[in-house]
């Protein structure tokens, strides 16, 4: 069974919880607000599936080698899309393409209680809360199971998350899917939902109000005028 003796060796991805057929693993929150797996030894049959899907126990993230794909600079030409994104807006471009081709997009968004969790977008309106960066640990409960179901139904799926969660998903699926597209980003670690909640409570007391939304990288002073057409630049070529 999976055991976390050193918290640095767990990213809280929930792959072990989601893969367990006997519901022997639950995610518990520690004193700092981070998720860690807890095994119920009375239910565990020691099948080893939880160990096999863990992204940390299975080599972590691979080092770059000579076969690593070539990198490109890419950004959305749509100024509104860039404004509604944290960086260049390329995630929004690809997500729109996937949705318009019988696809769905999974990514992080705040719920009505300002808790960050993985949500599913089946149209452009549902995509908007996923745009922009959110700098805290995301709850992806049931996300892997839902993604696998969509993949098995033949839908094109785009999953956007941190590198550890992307690797966890691929381990969880147990095989490759041609209709799966994943995106990640450079990550230096994340604070917990608890830390965000404490900051939220402080701001609500300070301004005597209720927080309905939060923007980690505000661009209100740079809001552009609407463009004529959305496209992006990729290696000197234009893709509508």
C-alpha atoms as a PDB file:
ATOM      1  CA  UNK A   1       0.000   0.000   0.000  1.00  0.00           C
ATOM      2  CA  UNK A   2       1.047   3.575  -0.570  1.00  0.00           C
ATOM      3  CA  UNK A   3       2.698   5.272   2.394  1.00  0.00           C
ATOM      4  CA  UNK A   4       3.794   8.901   2.666  1.00  0.00           C
ATOM      5  CA  UNK A   5       6.765   9.036   5.022  1.00  0.00           C
ATOM      6  CA  UNK A   6       8.090  12.268   3.547  1.00  0.00           C
ATOM      7  CA  UNK A   7       5.550  14.889   2.481  1.00  0.00           C
ATOM      8  CA  UNK A   8       7.924  16.104  -0.214  1.00  0.00           C
ATOM      9  CA  UNK A   9       7.214  12.820  -2.002  1.00  0.00           C
ATOM     10  CA  UNK A  10       3.506  13.537  -2.505  1.00  0.00           C
ATOM     11  CA  UNK A  11       1.908  16.142  -4.771  1.00  0.00           C
ATOM     12  CA  UNK A  12      -1.688  15.435  -3.728  1.00  0.00           C
ATOM     13  CA  UNK A  13      -2.744  14.392  -7.232  1.00  0.00           C
ATOM     14  CA  UNK A  14      -5.336  11.830  -5.993  1.00  0.00           C
ATOM     15  CA  UNK A  15      -4.318   9.236  -8.595  1.00  0.00           C
ATOM     16  CA  UNK A  16      -3.950   6.614  -5.859  1.00  0.00           C
ATOM     17  CA  UNK A  17      -7.384   7.453  -4.469  1.00  0.00           C
ATOM     18  CA  UNK A  18      -9.085   7.384  -7.859  1.00  0.00           C
ATOM     19  CA  UNK A  19      -7.520   4.077  -8.976  1.00  0.00           C
ATOM     20  CA  UNK A  20      -8.429   2.131  -5.820  1.00  0.00           C
ATOM     21  CA  UNK A  21     -11.338  -0.226  -6.563  1.00  0.00           C
ATOM     22  CA  UNK A  22     -11.872  -0.955  -2.863  1.00  0.00           C
ATOM     23  CA  UNK A  23     -12.161   2.692  -1.711  1.00  0.00           C
ATOM     24  CA  UNK A  24      -9.371   2.048   0.750  1.00  0.00           C
ATOM     25  CA  UNK A  25      -7.691   5.438   0.284  1.00  0.00           C
ATOM     26  CA  UNK A  26      -9.021   8.831   1.321  1.00  0.00           C
ATOM     27  CA  UNK A  27      -7.413  12.244   0.967  1.00  0.00           C
ATOM     28  CA  UNK A  28      -6.922  14.042   4.265  1.00  0.00           C
ATOM     29  CA  UNK A  29      -5.892  17.647   4.848  1.00  0.00           C
ATOM     30  CA  UNK A  30      -2.909  18.349   7.087  1.00  0.00           C
ATOM     31  CA  UNK A  31      -2.394  21.334   9.379  1.00  0.00           C
ATOM     32  CA  UNK A  32      -1.130  23.454   6.468  1.00  0.00           C
ATOM     33  CA  UNK A  33      -4.085  22.637   4.249  1.00  0.00           C
ATOM     34  CA  UNK A  34      -2.441  20.183   1.834  1.00  0.00           C
ATOM     35  CA  UNK A  35      -4.026  16.916   0.675  1.00  0.00           C
ATOM     36  CA  UNK A  36      -2.331  13.597   1.509  1.00  0.00           C
ATOM     37  CA  UNK A  37      -3.585  10.003   1.043  1.00  0.00           C
ATOM     38  CA  UNK A  38      -4.596   7.938   4.058  1.00  0.00           C
ATOM     39  CA  UNK A  39      -4.967   4.157   3.614  1.00  0.00           C
ATOM     40  CA  UNK A  40      -7.607   2.153   5.467  1.00  0.00           C
ATOM     41  CA  UNK A  41      -5.710  -1.106   6.090  1.00  0.00           C
ATOM     42  CA  UNK A  42      -8.966  -2.982   6.734  1.00  0.00           C
ATOM     43  CA  UNK A  43     -10.053  -2.401   3.130  1.00  0.00           C
ATOM     44  CA  UNK A  44      -6.677  -2.559   1.363  1.00  0.00           C
ATOM     45  CA  UNK A  45      -5.807  -5.859  -0.376  1.00  0.00           C
ATOM     46  CA  UNK A  46      -2.268  -4.696  -1.212  1.00  0.00           C
ATOM     47  CA  UNK A  47      -2.819  -4.946  -4.986  1.00  0.00           C
ATOM     48  CA  UNK A  48      -0.195  -2.273  -5.716  1.00  0.00           C
ATOM     49  CA  UNK A  49      -2.307  -0.205  -8.107  1.00  0.00           C
ATOM     50  CA  UNK A  50      -1.891   2.916  -5.982  1.00  0.00           C
ATOM     51  CA  UNK A  51       1.901   2.607  -6.130  1.00  0.00           C
ATOM     52  CA  UNK A  52       1.833   2.023  -9.888  1.00  0.00           C
ATOM     53  CA  UNK A  53       0.025   5.284 -10.706  1.00  0.00           C
ATOM     54  CA  UNK A  54       1.927   7.578  -8.334  1.00  0.00           C
ATOM     55  CA  UNK A  55       3.875  10.152 -10.415  1.00  0.00           C
ATOM     56  CA  UNK A  56       6.522  10.543  -7.710  1.00  0.00           C
ATOM     57  CA  UNK A  57       7.165   6.841  -7.037  1.00  0.00           C
ATOM     58  CA  UNK A  58       7.487   6.125 -10.747  1.00  0.00           C
ATOM     59  CA  UNK A  59      10.510   8.220 -11.572  1.00  0.00           C
ATOM     60  CA  UNK A  60       9.028  11.674 -11.131  1.00  0.00           C
ATOM     61  CA  UNK A  61       9.358  13.995 -14.106  1.00  0.00           C
ATOM     62  CA  UNK A  62      11.878  12.852 -16.690  1.00  0.00           C
ATOM     63  CA  UNK A  63      14.973  14.894 -17.342  1.00  0.00           C
ATOM     64  CA  UNK A  64      15.410  16.514 -20.715  1.00  0.00           C
ATOM     65  CA  UNK A  65      17.270  14.446 -23.279  1.00  0.00           C
ATOM     66  CA  UNK A  66      18.265  14.716 -26.926  1.00  0.00           C
ATOM     67  CA  UNK A  67      14.850  13.423 -28.021  1.00  0.00           C
ATOM     68  CA  UNK A  68      12.933  16.143 -26.173  1.00  0.00           C
ATOM     69  CA  UNK A  69      10.568  18.037 -28.543  1.00  0.00           C
ATOM     70  CA  UNK A  70      11.645  21.352 -29.996  1.00  0.00           C
ATOM     71  CA  UNK A  71      10.108  24.388 -28.280  1.00  0.00           C
ATOM     72  CA  UNK A  72       8.326  27.336 -29.882  1.00  0.00           C
ATOM     73  CA  UNK A  73       7.170  30.790 -28.855  1.00  0.00           C
ATOM     74  CA  UNK A  74       3.409  31.134 -29.249  1.00  0.00           C
ATOM     75  CA  UNK A  75       0.738  33.706 -28.339  1.00  0.00           C
ATOM     76  CA  UNK A  76      -2.849  34.562 -29.209  1.00  0.00           C
ATOM     77  CA  UNK A  77      -3.327  37.504 -31.578  1.00  0.00           C
ATOM     78  CA  UNK A  78      -6.787  38.083 -30.107  1.00  0.00           C
ATOM     79  CA  UNK A  79      -6.190  40.918 -27.615  1.00  0.00           C
ATOM     80  CA  UNK A  80      -9.339  40.132 -25.654  1.00  0.00           C
ATOM     81  CA  UNK A  81      -8.271  36.509 -25.238  1.00  0.00           C
ATOM     82  CA  UNK A  82      -4.816  37.598 -24.067  1.00  0.00           C
ATOM     83  CA  UNK A  83      -6.431  40.032 -21.631  1.00  0.00           C
ATOM     84  CA  UNK A  84      -8.617  37.244 -20.230  1.00  0.00           C
ATOM     85  CA  UNK A  85      -5.579  34.955 -19.897  1.00  0.00           C
ATOM     86  CA  UNK A  86      -2.605  35.100 -17.548  1.00  0.00           C
ATOM     87  CA  UNK A  87       0.056  35.019 -20.253  1.00  0.00           C
ATOM     88  CA  UNK A  88      -0.067  34.665 -24.011  1.00  0.00           C
ATOM     89  CA  UNK A  89      -3.494  33.069 -24.246  1.00  0.00           C
ATOM     90  CA  UNK A  90      -2.450  29.997 -26.223  1.00  0.00           C
ATOM     91  CA  UNK A  91      -4.363  27.723 -23.840  1.00  0.00           C
ATOM     92  CA  UNK A  92      -7.554  29.575 -24.752  1.00  0.00           C
ATOM     93  CA  UNK A  93      -6.828  29.157 -28.455  1.00  0.00           C
ATOM     94  CA  UNK A  94      -6.259  25.400 -28.184  1.00  0.00           C
ATOM     95  CA  UNK A  95      -9.172  24.942 -25.768  1.00  0.00           C
ATOM     96  CA  UNK A  96     -11.518  26.705 -28.190  1.00  0.00           C
ATOM     97  CA  UNK A  97     -10.271  24.485 -31.015  1.00  0.00           C
ATOM     98  CA  UNK A  98     -10.914  21.335 -28.948  1.00  0.00           C
ATOM     99  CA  UNK A  99     -14.418  22.439 -27.927  1.00  0.00           C
ATOM    100  CA  UNK A 100     -15.295  23.273 -31.522  1.00  0.00           C
ATOM    101  CA  UNK A 101     -14.241  19.758 -32.567  1.00  0.00           C
ATOM    102  CA  UNK A 102     -16.519  17.599 -30.429  1.00  0.00           C
ATOM    103  CA  UNK A 103     -14.265  18.072 -27.427  1.00  0.00           C
ATOM    104  CA  UNK A 104     -14.238  19.009 -23.772  1.00  0.00           C
ATOM    105  CA  UNK A 105     -11.689  20.836 -21.649  1.00  0.00           C
ATOM    106  CA  UNK A 106     -10.699  20.164 -18.037  1.00  0.00           C
ATOM    107  CA  UNK A 107      -8.925  22.749 -15.910  1.00  0.00           C
ATOM    108  CA  UNK A 108      -8.900  24.635 -12.612  1.00  0.00           C
ATOM    109  CA  UNK A 109     -11.690  27.042 -11.644  1.00  0.00           C
ATOM    110  CA  UNK A 110     -13.163  28.426  -8.438  1.00  0.00           C
ATOM    111  CA  UNK A 111     -16.572  27.167  -7.350  1.00  0.00           C
ATOM    112  CA  UNK A 112     -19.263  29.274  -5.658  1.00  0.00           C
ATOM    113  CA  UNK A 113     -17.442  28.935  -2.316  1.00  0.00           C
ATOM    114  CA  UNK A 114     -14.107  30.044  -3.820  1.00  0.00           C
ATOM    115  CA  UNK A 115     -12.669  26.545  -3.603  1.00  0.00           C
ATOM    116  CA  UNK A 116     -10.343  25.620  -6.474  1.00  0.00           C
ATOM    117  CA  UNK A 117     -11.232  22.378  -8.243  1.00  0.00           C
ATOM    118  CA  UNK A 118     -11.015  20.763 -11.683  1.00  0.00           C
ATOM    119  CA  UNK A 119     -14.074  21.516 -13.785  1.00  0.00           C
ATOM    120  CA  UNK A 120     -15.233  20.461 -17.234  1.00  0.00           C
ATOM    121  CA  UNK A 121     -15.993  22.902 -20.049  1.00  0.00           C
ATOM    122  CA  UNK A 122     -18.147  21.765 -22.980  1.00  0.00           C
ATOM    123  CA  UNK A 123     -18.676  25.204 -24.506  1.00  0.00           C
ATOM    124  CA  UNK A 124     -16.931  28.585 -24.703  1.00  0.00           C
ATOM    125  CA  UNK A 125     -18.962  30.071 -21.851  1.00  0.00           C
ATOM    126  CA  UNK A 126     -17.949  27.266 -19.497  1.00  0.00           C
ATOM    127  CA  UNK A 127     -14.321  27.719 -20.576  1.00  0.00           C
ATOM    128  CA  UNK A 128     -14.008  31.275 -19.236  1.00  0.00           C
ATOM    129  CA  UNK A 129     -13.545  30.401 -15.513  1.00  0.00           C
ATOM    130  CA  UNK A 130     -10.690  28.040 -16.431  1.00  0.00           C
ATOM    131  CA  UNK A 131      -8.660  30.796 -18.087  1.00  0.00           C
ATOM    132  CA  UNK A 132      -5.904  32.555 -16.098  1.00  0.00           C
ATOM    133  CA  UNK A 133      -3.529  31.149 -13.500  1.00  0.00           C
ATOM    134  CA  UNK A 134      -4.606  30.177 -10.001  1.00  0.00           C
ATOM    135  CA  UNK A 135      -1.708  29.888  -7.594  1.00  0.00           C
ATOM    136  CA  UNK A 136      -2.827  27.224  -5.134  1.00  0.00           C
ATOM    137  CA  UNK A 137      -3.356  23.465  -4.939  1.00  0.00           C
ATOM    138  CA  UNK A 138      -6.352  22.313  -6.977  1.00  0.00           C
ATOM    139  CA  UNK A 139      -8.810  19.644  -5.856  1.00  0.00           C
ATOM    140  CA  UNK A 140      -9.147  17.193  -8.766  1.00  0.00           C
ATOM    141  CA  UNK A 141     -11.512  14.734  -7.081  1.00  0.00           C
ATOM    142  CA  UNK A 142     -13.287  12.585  -9.721  1.00  0.00           C
ATOM    143  CA  UNK A 143     -11.495  14.442 -12.542  1.00  0.00           C
ATOM    144  CA  UNK A 144      -9.469  11.437 -13.744  1.00  0.00           C
ATOM    145  CA  UNK A 145     -12.527   9.179 -13.777  1.00  0.00           C
ATOM    146  CA  UNK A 146     -14.550  11.737 -15.722  1.00  0.00           C
ATOM    147  CA  UNK A 147     -11.735  12.296 -18.218  1.00  0.00           C
ATOM    148  CA  UNK A 148     -11.402   8.535 -18.794  1.00  0.00           C
ATOM    149  CA  UNK A 149     -15.146   8.251 -19.384  1.00  0.00           C
ATOM    150  CA  UNK A 150     -15.068  11.038 -21.984  1.00  0.00           C
ATOM    151  CA  UNK A 151     -12.068   9.476 -23.706  1.00  0.00           C
ATOM    152  CA  UNK A 152     -13.759   6.083 -23.879  1.00  0.00           C
ATOM    153  CA  UNK A 153     -16.824   7.752 -25.413  1.00  0.00           C
ATOM    154  CA  UNK A 154     -14.621   9.092 -28.211  1.00  0.00           C
ATOM    155  CA  UNK A 155     -14.565  12.731 -27.184  1.00  0.00           C
ATOM    156  CA  UNK A 156     -11.493  14.882 -27.732  1.00  0.00           C
ATOM    157  CA  UNK A 157     -10.199  15.906 -24.307  1.00  0.00           C
ATOM    158  CA  UNK A 158      -7.806  18.688 -23.310  1.00  0.00           C
ATOM    159  CA  UNK A 159      -6.482  18.533 -19.741  1.00  0.00           C
ATOM    160  CA  UNK A 160      -4.613  21.558 -18.407  1.00  0.00           C
ATOM    161  CA  UNK A 161      -2.784  21.190 -15.085  1.00  0.00           C
ATOM    162  CA  UNK A 162       0.586  21.121 -13.337  1.00  0.00           C
ATOM    163  CA  UNK A 163       3.231  18.652 -14.602  1.00  0.00           C
ATOM    164  CA  UNK A 164       2.739  16.253 -11.680  1.00  0.00           C
ATOM    165  CA  UNK A 165      -1.018  16.058 -12.247  1.00  0.00           C
ATOM    166  CA  UNK A 166      -0.584  15.513 -15.990  1.00  0.00           C
ATOM    167  CA  UNK A 167       1.795  12.629 -15.325  1.00  0.00           C
ATOM    168  CA  UNK A 168      -0.608  11.257 -12.710  1.00  0.00           C
ATOM    169  CA  UNK A 169      -3.468  11.278 -15.223  1.00  0.00           C
ATOM    170  CA  UNK A 170      -1.418   9.411 -17.820  1.00  0.00           C
ATOM    171  CA  UNK A 171      -0.436   6.818 -15.201  1.00  0.00           C
ATOM    172  CA  UNK A 172      -4.060   6.470 -14.107  1.00  0.00           C
ATOM    173  CA  UNK A 173      -5.338   5.856 -17.646  1.00  0.00           C
ATOM    174  CA  UNK A 174      -3.008   2.826 -17.976  1.00  0.00           C
ATOM    175  CA  UNK A 175      -2.850   3.280 -21.764  1.00  0.00           C
ATOM    176  CA  UNK A 176      -2.451   6.004 -24.368  1.00  0.00           C
ATOM    177  CA  UNK A 177      -5.441   7.715 -25.936  1.00  0.00           C
ATOM    178  CA  UNK A 178      -5.097   9.415 -29.304  1.00  0.00           C
ATOM    179  CA  UNK A 179      -7.967  11.766 -28.403  1.00  0.00           C
ATOM    180  CA  UNK A 180      -6.200  13.113 -25.279  1.00  0.00           C
ATOM    181  CA  UNK A 181      -4.260  16.387 -25.352  1.00  0.00           C
ATOM    182  CA  UNK A 182      -2.489  17.601 -22.218  1.00  0.00           C
ATOM    183  CA  UNK A 183      -0.921  20.936 -21.322  1.00  0.00           C
ATOM    184  CA  UNK A 184       1.173  21.885 -18.325  1.00  0.00           C
ATOM    185  CA  UNK A 185       3.369  24.778 -17.197  1.00  0.00           C
ATOM    186  CA  UNK A 186       6.557  25.493 -15.310  1.00  0.00           C
ATOM    187  CA  UNK A 187       5.717  24.924 -11.647  1.00  0.00           C
ATOM    188  CA  UNK A 188       7.741  25.757  -8.526  1.00  0.00           C
ATOM    189  CA  UNK A 189       5.183  24.375  -6.077  1.00  0.00           C
ATOM    190  CA  UNK A 190       1.840  25.697  -4.863  1.00  0.00           C
ATOM    191  CA  UNK A 191       0.384  27.110  -1.624  1.00  0.00           C
ATOM    192  CA  UNK A 192      -2.644  25.408  -0.098  1.00  0.00           C
ATOM    193  CA  UNK A 193      -6.345  26.182  -0.277  1.00  0.00           C
ATOM    194  CA  UNK A 194      -6.170  26.902   3.465  1.00  0.00           C
ATOM    195  CA  UNK A 195      -3.690  29.746   2.937  1.00  0.00           C
ATOM    196  CA  UNK A 196      -5.949  31.226   0.270  1.00  0.00           C
ATOM    197  CA  UNK A 197      -8.982  30.876   2.577  1.00  0.00           C
ATOM    198  CA  UNK A 198      -7.155  32.755   5.340  1.00  0.00           C
ATOM    199  CA  UNK A 199      -6.303  35.562   2.916  1.00  0.00           C
ATOM    200  CA  UNK A 200      -9.894  35.583   1.670  1.00  0.00           C
ATOM    201  CA  UNK A 201     -11.218  35.929   5.233  1.00  0.00           C
ATOM    202  CA  UNK A 202      -8.777  38.759   5.921  1.00  0.00           C
ATOM    203  CA  UNK A 203      -9.875  40.693   2.824  1.00  0.00           C
ATOM    204  CA  UNK A 204     -13.556  40.168   3.594  1.00  0.00           C
ATOM    205  CA  UNK A 205     -13.062  41.549   7.108  1.00  0.00           C
ATOM    206  CA  UNK A 206     -10.960  44.432   5.844  1.00  0.00           C
ATOM    207  CA  UNK A 207     -13.485  45.535   3.215  1.00  0.00           C
ATOM    208  CA  UNK A 208     -16.621  44.309   5.050  1.00  0.00           C
ATOM    209  CA  UNK A 209     -17.818  42.271   2.091  1.00  0.00           C
ATOM    210  CA  UNK A 210     -17.999  38.845   0.488  1.00  0.00           C
ATOM    211  CA  UNK A 211     -15.435  37.743  -2.100  1.00  0.00           C
ATOM    212  CA  UNK A 212     -17.133  36.568  -5.300  1.00  0.00           C
ATOM    213  CA  UNK A 213     -14.059  36.247  -7.541  1.00  0.00           C
ATOM    214  CA  UNK A 214     -10.311  36.625  -7.370  1.00  0.00           C
ATOM    215  CA  UNK A 215      -7.746  37.559 -10.041  1.00  0.00           C
ATOM    216  CA  UNK A 216      -4.131  36.631  -9.301  1.00  0.00           C
ATOM    217  CA  UNK A 217      -2.780  38.692 -12.210  1.00  0.00           C
ATOM    218  CA  UNK A 218      -4.945  41.739 -12.789  1.00  0.00           C
ATOM    219  CA  UNK A 219      -4.816  43.479 -16.192  1.00  0.00           C
ATOM    220  CA  UNK A 220      -7.643  46.017 -15.780  1.00  0.00           C
ATOM    221  CA  UNK A 221      -5.366  48.941 -16.627  1.00  0.00           C
ATOM    222  CA  UNK A 222      -4.486  47.318 -19.973  1.00  0.00           C
ATOM    223  CA  UNK A 223      -7.916  46.266 -21.238  1.00  0.00           C
ATOM    224  CA  UNK A 224      -7.803  46.280 -25.085  1.00  0.00           C
ATOM    225  CA  UNK A 225     -10.458  46.943 -27.700  1.00  0.00           C
ATOM    226  CA  UNK A 226     -12.122  43.905 -29.362  1.00  0.00           C
ATOM    227  CA  UNK A 227     -10.193  42.403 -32.322  1.00  0.00           C
ATOM    228  CA  UNK A 228     -11.668  41.544 -35.691  1.00  0.00           C
ATOM    229  CA  UNK A 229     -10.664  37.867 -35.657  1.00  0.00           C
ATOM    230  CA  UNK A 230      -9.077  35.376 -33.260  1.00  0.00           C
ATOM    231  CA  UNK A 231      -5.929  33.564 -34.306  1.00  0.00           C
ATOM    232  CA  UNK A 232      -2.453  32.850 -33.038  1.00  0.00           C
ATOM    233  CA  UNK A 233       1.130  32.977 -34.217  1.00  0.00           C
ATOM    234  CA  UNK A 234       3.075  29.707 -34.205  1.00  0.00           C
ATOM    235  CA  UNK A 235       6.558  29.478 -35.708  1.00  0.00           C
ATOM    236  CA  UNK A 236       5.920  32.263 -38.194  1.00  0.00           C
ATOM    237  CA  UNK A 237       2.654  30.820 -39.506  1.00  0.00           C
ATOM    238  CA  UNK A 238      -0.914  31.954 -38.910  1.00  0.00           C
ATOM    239  CA  UNK A 239      -3.575  29.497 -37.730  1.00  0.00           C
ATOM    240  CA  UNK A 240      -7.189  30.667 -37.619  1.00  0.00           C
END
